[in-house]
Amino acid sequence: MPFSKPKVANRFKCPSCGNDKDFFEITDDVITTTHYVQNPDGSFTIEDRSSQSMGDVKLFCGNCDEDLTLFHQRFSEMIF
């Protein structure tokens, strides 16, 4: 007997276009700190990277660019 994928009841969808896969965030006033090590050949490798948000975070649909910031709290809770 073939098995089908279970449906996820709490899957988030863009209310404008129905996209349920691609989303992006834009954060205002971010401080990004990146530490590098120089390799023997003169090139650089990232050793550590951190960022600190000082402003608002906005959520957008990756398909139609709809502003979904209203749903950002739920989105944040579902990042594992």
N, C-alpha and C. Protein backbone atom coordinates (compact mmCIF):
# COMPACT_ATOMS: atom_id res chain seq x y z
N MET A 1 0.83 -1.17 0.00
CA MET A 1 0.00 0.00 0.00
C MET A 1 0.89 1.25 0.00
N PRO A 2 0.76 2.13 -0.99
CA PRO A 2 1.59 3.33 -1.04
C PRO A 2 1.17 4.33 0.04
N PHE A 3 2.17 5.01 0.57
CA PHE A 3 1.92 6.01 1.60
C PHE A 3 1.92 7.41 0.96
N SER A 4 1.02 8.25 1.41
CA SER A 4 1.01 9.62 0.93
C SER A 4 1.54 10.53 2.03
N LYS A 5 2.04 11.68 1.63
CA LYS A 5 2.56 12.63 2.61
C LYS A 5 1.41 13.18 3.44
N PRO A 6 1.62 13.30 4.74
CA PRO A 6 0.56 13.88 5.57
C PRO A 6 0.42 15.38 5.28
N LYS A 7 -0.80 15.87 5.37
CA LYS A 7 -1.03 17.30 5.17
C LYS A 7 -0.78 18.02 6.47
N VAL A 8 -0.11 19.15 6.38
CA VAL A 8 0.20 19.95 7.56
C VAL A 8 -0.88 21.01 7.69
N ALA A 9 -1.59 20.98 8.81
CA ALA A 9 -2.73 21.88 9.00
C ALA A 9 -2.33 23.33 9.23
N ASN A 10 -1.15 23.56 9.80
CA ASN A 10 -0.77 24.92 10.14
C ASN A 10 0.20 25.54 9.13
N ARG A 11 0.24 25.02 7.92
CA ARG A 11 1.14 25.55 6.90
C ARG A 11 0.71 26.96 6.52
N PHE A 12 1.64 27.89 6.53
CA PHE A 12 1.36 29.30 6.24
C PHE A 12 1.32 29.52 4.74
N LYS A 13 0.35 30.30 4.28
CA LYS A 13 0.23 30.66 2.87
C LYS A 13 0.03 32.16 2.75
N CYS A 14 0.60 32.73 1.70
CA CYS A 14 0.38 34.14 1.40
C CYS A 14 -1.09 34.32 1.04
N PRO A 15 -1.79 35.22 1.72
CA PRO A 15 -3.20 35.43 1.41
C PRO A 15 -3.44 36.06 0.04
N SER A 16 -2.42 36.64 -0.56
CA SER A 16 -2.59 37.28 -1.87
C SER A 16 -2.41 36.32 -3.04
N CYS A 17 -1.37 35.47 -2.98
CA CYS A 17 -1.08 34.62 -4.14
C CYS A 17 -1.09 33.13 -3.83
N GLY A 18 -1.18 32.76 -2.54
CA GLY A 18 -1.21 31.34 -2.18
C GLY A 18 0.15 30.71 -2.02
N ASN A 19 1.23 31.45 -2.23
CA ASN A 19 2.58 30.92 -2.06
C ASN A 19 2.72 30.34 -0.65
N ASP A 20 3.27 29.14 -0.56
CA ASP A 20 3.49 28.53 0.76
C ASP A 20 4.91 28.02 0.91
N LYS A 21 5.83 28.57 0.10
CA LYS A 21 7.19 28.07 0.12
C LYS A 21 8.26 29.14 0.35
N ASP A 22 8.21 30.25 -0.36
CA ASP A 22 9.30 31.24 -0.35
C ASP A 22 8.88 32.53 0.33
N PHE A 23 9.67 32.93 1.34
CA PHE A 23 9.42 34.15 2.09
C PHE A 23 10.77 34.81 2.39
N PHE A 24 10.76 36.12 2.63
CA PHE A 24 12.00 36.79 3.01
C PHE A 24 11.71 37.88 4.04
N GLU A 25 12.75 38.19 4.82
CA GLU A 25 12.67 39.24 5.82
C GLU A 25 13.57 40.39 5.41
N ILE A 26 13.14 41.59 5.80
CA ILE A 26 13.99 42.77 5.67
C ILE A 26 14.06 43.38 7.06
N THR A 27 15.28 43.62 7.52
CA THR A 27 15.49 44.18 8.85
C THR A 27 16.16 45.53 8.72
N ASP A 28 15.58 46.53 9.39
CA ASP A 28 16.15 47.87 9.39
C ASP A 28 17.22 47.98 10.46
N ASP A 29 18.21 48.80 10.21
CA ASP A 29 19.25 49.13 11.19
C ASP A 29 19.90 47.89 11.80
N VAL A 30 20.66 47.18 10.99
CA VAL A 30 21.34 45.97 11.42
C VAL A 30 22.84 46.23 11.52
N ILE A 31 23.42 45.73 12.59
CA ILE A 31 24.87 45.77 12.74
C ILE A 31 25.36 44.34 12.51
N THR A 32 26.19 44.16 11.49
CA THR A 32 26.74 42.84 11.18
C THR A 32 28.23 42.87 11.48
N THR A 33 28.68 41.89 12.24
CA THR A 33 30.10 41.77 12.56
C THR A 33 30.60 40.44 12.00
N THR A 34 31.64 40.50 11.19
CA THR A 34 32.20 39.30 10.58
C THR A 34 33.68 39.23 10.92
N HIS A 35 34.10 38.10 11.46
CA HIS A 35 35.52 37.88 11.79
C HIS A 35 36.11 36.95 10.73
N TYR A 36 37.28 37.34 10.22
CA TYR A 36 37.96 36.58 9.16
C TYR A 36 39.32 36.12 9.64
N VAL A 37 39.78 35.05 9.02
CA VAL A 37 41.18 34.62 9.19
C VAL A 37 41.79 34.64 7.80
N GLN A 38 43.03 35.11 7.74
CA GLN A 38 43.72 35.12 6.46
C GLN A 38 44.45 33.80 6.28
N ASN A 39 44.27 33.21 5.11
CA ASN A 39 44.91 31.94 4.78
C ASN A 39 46.33 32.20 4.28
N PRO A 40 47.17 31.15 4.30
CA PRO A 40 48.56 31.31 3.84
C PRO A 40 48.66 31.85 2.41
N ASP A 41 47.66 31.58 1.57
CA ASP A 41 47.72 32.06 0.18
C ASP A 41 47.22 33.50 0.03
N GLY A 42 46.86 34.15 1.15
CA GLY A 42 46.41 35.54 1.11
C GLY A 42 44.89 35.70 1.03
N SER A 43 44.18 34.61 0.79
CA SER A 43 42.71 34.69 0.75
C SER A 43 42.17 34.71 2.18
N PHE A 44 40.88 34.98 2.34
CA PHE A 44 40.26 35.07 3.65
C PHE A 44 39.12 34.07 3.79
N THR A 45 38.95 33.56 5.00
CA THR A 45 37.85 32.64 5.33
C THR A 45 37.09 33.22 6.51
N ILE A 46 35.76 33.16 6.43
CA ILE A 46 34.94 33.64 7.54
C ILE A 46 35.08 32.69 8.72
N GLU A 47 35.43 33.25 9.86
CA GLU A 47 35.57 32.46 11.08
C GLU A 47 34.30 32.53 11.93
N ASP A 48 33.67 33.70 11.96
CA ASP A 48 32.48 33.88 12.77
C ASP A 48 31.70 35.07 12.22
N ARG A 49 30.37 34.98 12.30
CA ARG A 49 29.53 36.08 11.84
C ARG A 49 28.38 36.25 12.82
N SER A 50 28.10 37.48 13.19
CA SER A 50 26.96 37.75 14.06
C SER A 50 26.28 39.03 13.60
N SER A 51 25.01 39.15 13.96
CA SER A 51 24.29 40.37 13.61
C SER A 51 23.37 40.77 14.76
N GLN A 52 23.12 42.05 14.84
CA GLN A 52 22.25 42.59 15.88
C GLN A 52 21.27 43.53 15.20
N SER A 53 19.98 43.27 15.39
CA SER A 53 18.93 44.10 14.81
C SER A 53 18.59 45.25 15.74
N MET A 54 18.63 46.45 15.22
CA MET A 54 18.29 47.63 16.00
C MET A 54 16.94 48.21 15.57
N GLY A 55 16.36 47.67 14.50
CA GLY A 55 15.12 48.25 13.96
C GLY A 55 14.05 47.22 13.74
N ASP A 56 13.07 47.60 12.96
CA ASP A 56 11.92 46.75 12.66
C ASP A 56 12.31 45.62 11.70
N VAL A 57 11.62 44.48 11.86
CA VAL A 57 11.78 43.34 10.96
C VAL A 57 10.47 43.18 10.21
N LYS A 58 10.57 43.08 8.89
CA LYS A 58 9.37 42.94 8.05
C LYS A 58 9.44 41.62 7.29
N LEU A 59 8.29 41.00 7.10
CA LEU A 59 8.19 39.72 6.38
C LEU A 59 7.46 39.95 5.06
N PHE A 60 7.97 39.33 4.00
CA PHE A 60 7.38 39.48 2.68
C PHE A 60 7.24 38.12 1.99
N CYS A 61 6.25 38.02 1.11
CA CYS A 61 6.08 36.84 0.27
C CYS A 61 7.19 36.85 -0.77
N GLY A 62 7.85 35.71 -0.95
CA GLY A 62 8.92 35.60 -1.94
C GLY A 62 8.42 35.47 -3.35
N ASN A 63 7.10 35.34 -3.53
CA ASN A 63 6.53 35.20 -4.86
C ASN A 63 5.95 36.52 -5.37
N CYS A 64 5.10 37.17 -4.57
CA CYS A 64 4.43 38.39 -5.04
C CYS A 64 4.86 39.65 -4.29
N ASP A 65 5.79 39.53 -3.34
CA ASP A 65 6.31 40.65 -2.55
C ASP A 65 5.28 41.30 -1.63
N GLU A 66 4.18 40.61 -1.35
CA GLU A 66 3.17 41.13 -0.43
C GLU A 66 3.77 41.30 0.96
N ASP A 67 3.46 42.40 1.62
CA ASP A 67 3.94 42.66 2.98
C ASP A 67 3.14 41.77 3.94
N LEU A 68 3.82 40.83 4.58
CA LEU A 68 3.18 39.88 5.50
C LEU A 68 3.64 40.10 6.94
N THR A 69 4.10 41.32 7.23
CA THR A 69 4.64 41.64 8.55
C THR A 69 3.64 41.33 9.66
N LEU A 70 2.36 41.45 9.38
CA LEU A 70 1.31 41.12 10.35
C LEU A 70 1.46 39.70 10.87
N PHE A 71 2.03 38.80 10.06
CA PHE A 71 2.18 37.39 10.41
C PHE A 71 3.58 37.05 10.91
N HIS A 72 4.44 38.05 11.11
CA HIS A 72 5.84 37.78 11.44
C HIS A 72 6.01 37.02 12.75
N GLN A 73 5.20 37.31 13.76
CA GLN A 73 5.32 36.61 15.05
C GLN A 73 5.13 35.11 14.85
N ARG A 74 4.08 34.73 14.13
CA ARG A 74 3.82 33.30 13.86
C ARG A 74 4.97 32.68 13.07
N PHE A 75 5.45 33.41 12.06
CA PHE A 75 6.58 32.97 11.26
C PHE A 75 7.79 32.70 12.13
N SER A 76 8.10 33.63 13.03
CA SER A 76 9.26 33.50 13.92
C SER A 76 9.15 32.28 14.83
N GLU A 77 7.95 31.99 15.28
CA GLU A 77 7.74 30.85 16.16
C GLU A 77 7.92 29.51 15.46
N MET A 78 7.85 29.51 14.13
CA MET A 78 7.96 28.27 13.37
C MET A 78 9.36 28.04 12.77
N ILE A 79 10.34 28.85 13.13
CA ILE A 79 11.71 28.65 12.66
C ILE A 79 12.41 27.69 13.63
N PHE A 80 12.86 26.58 13.11
CA PHE A 80 13.53 25.57 13.96
C PHE A 80 14.97 25.42 13.57
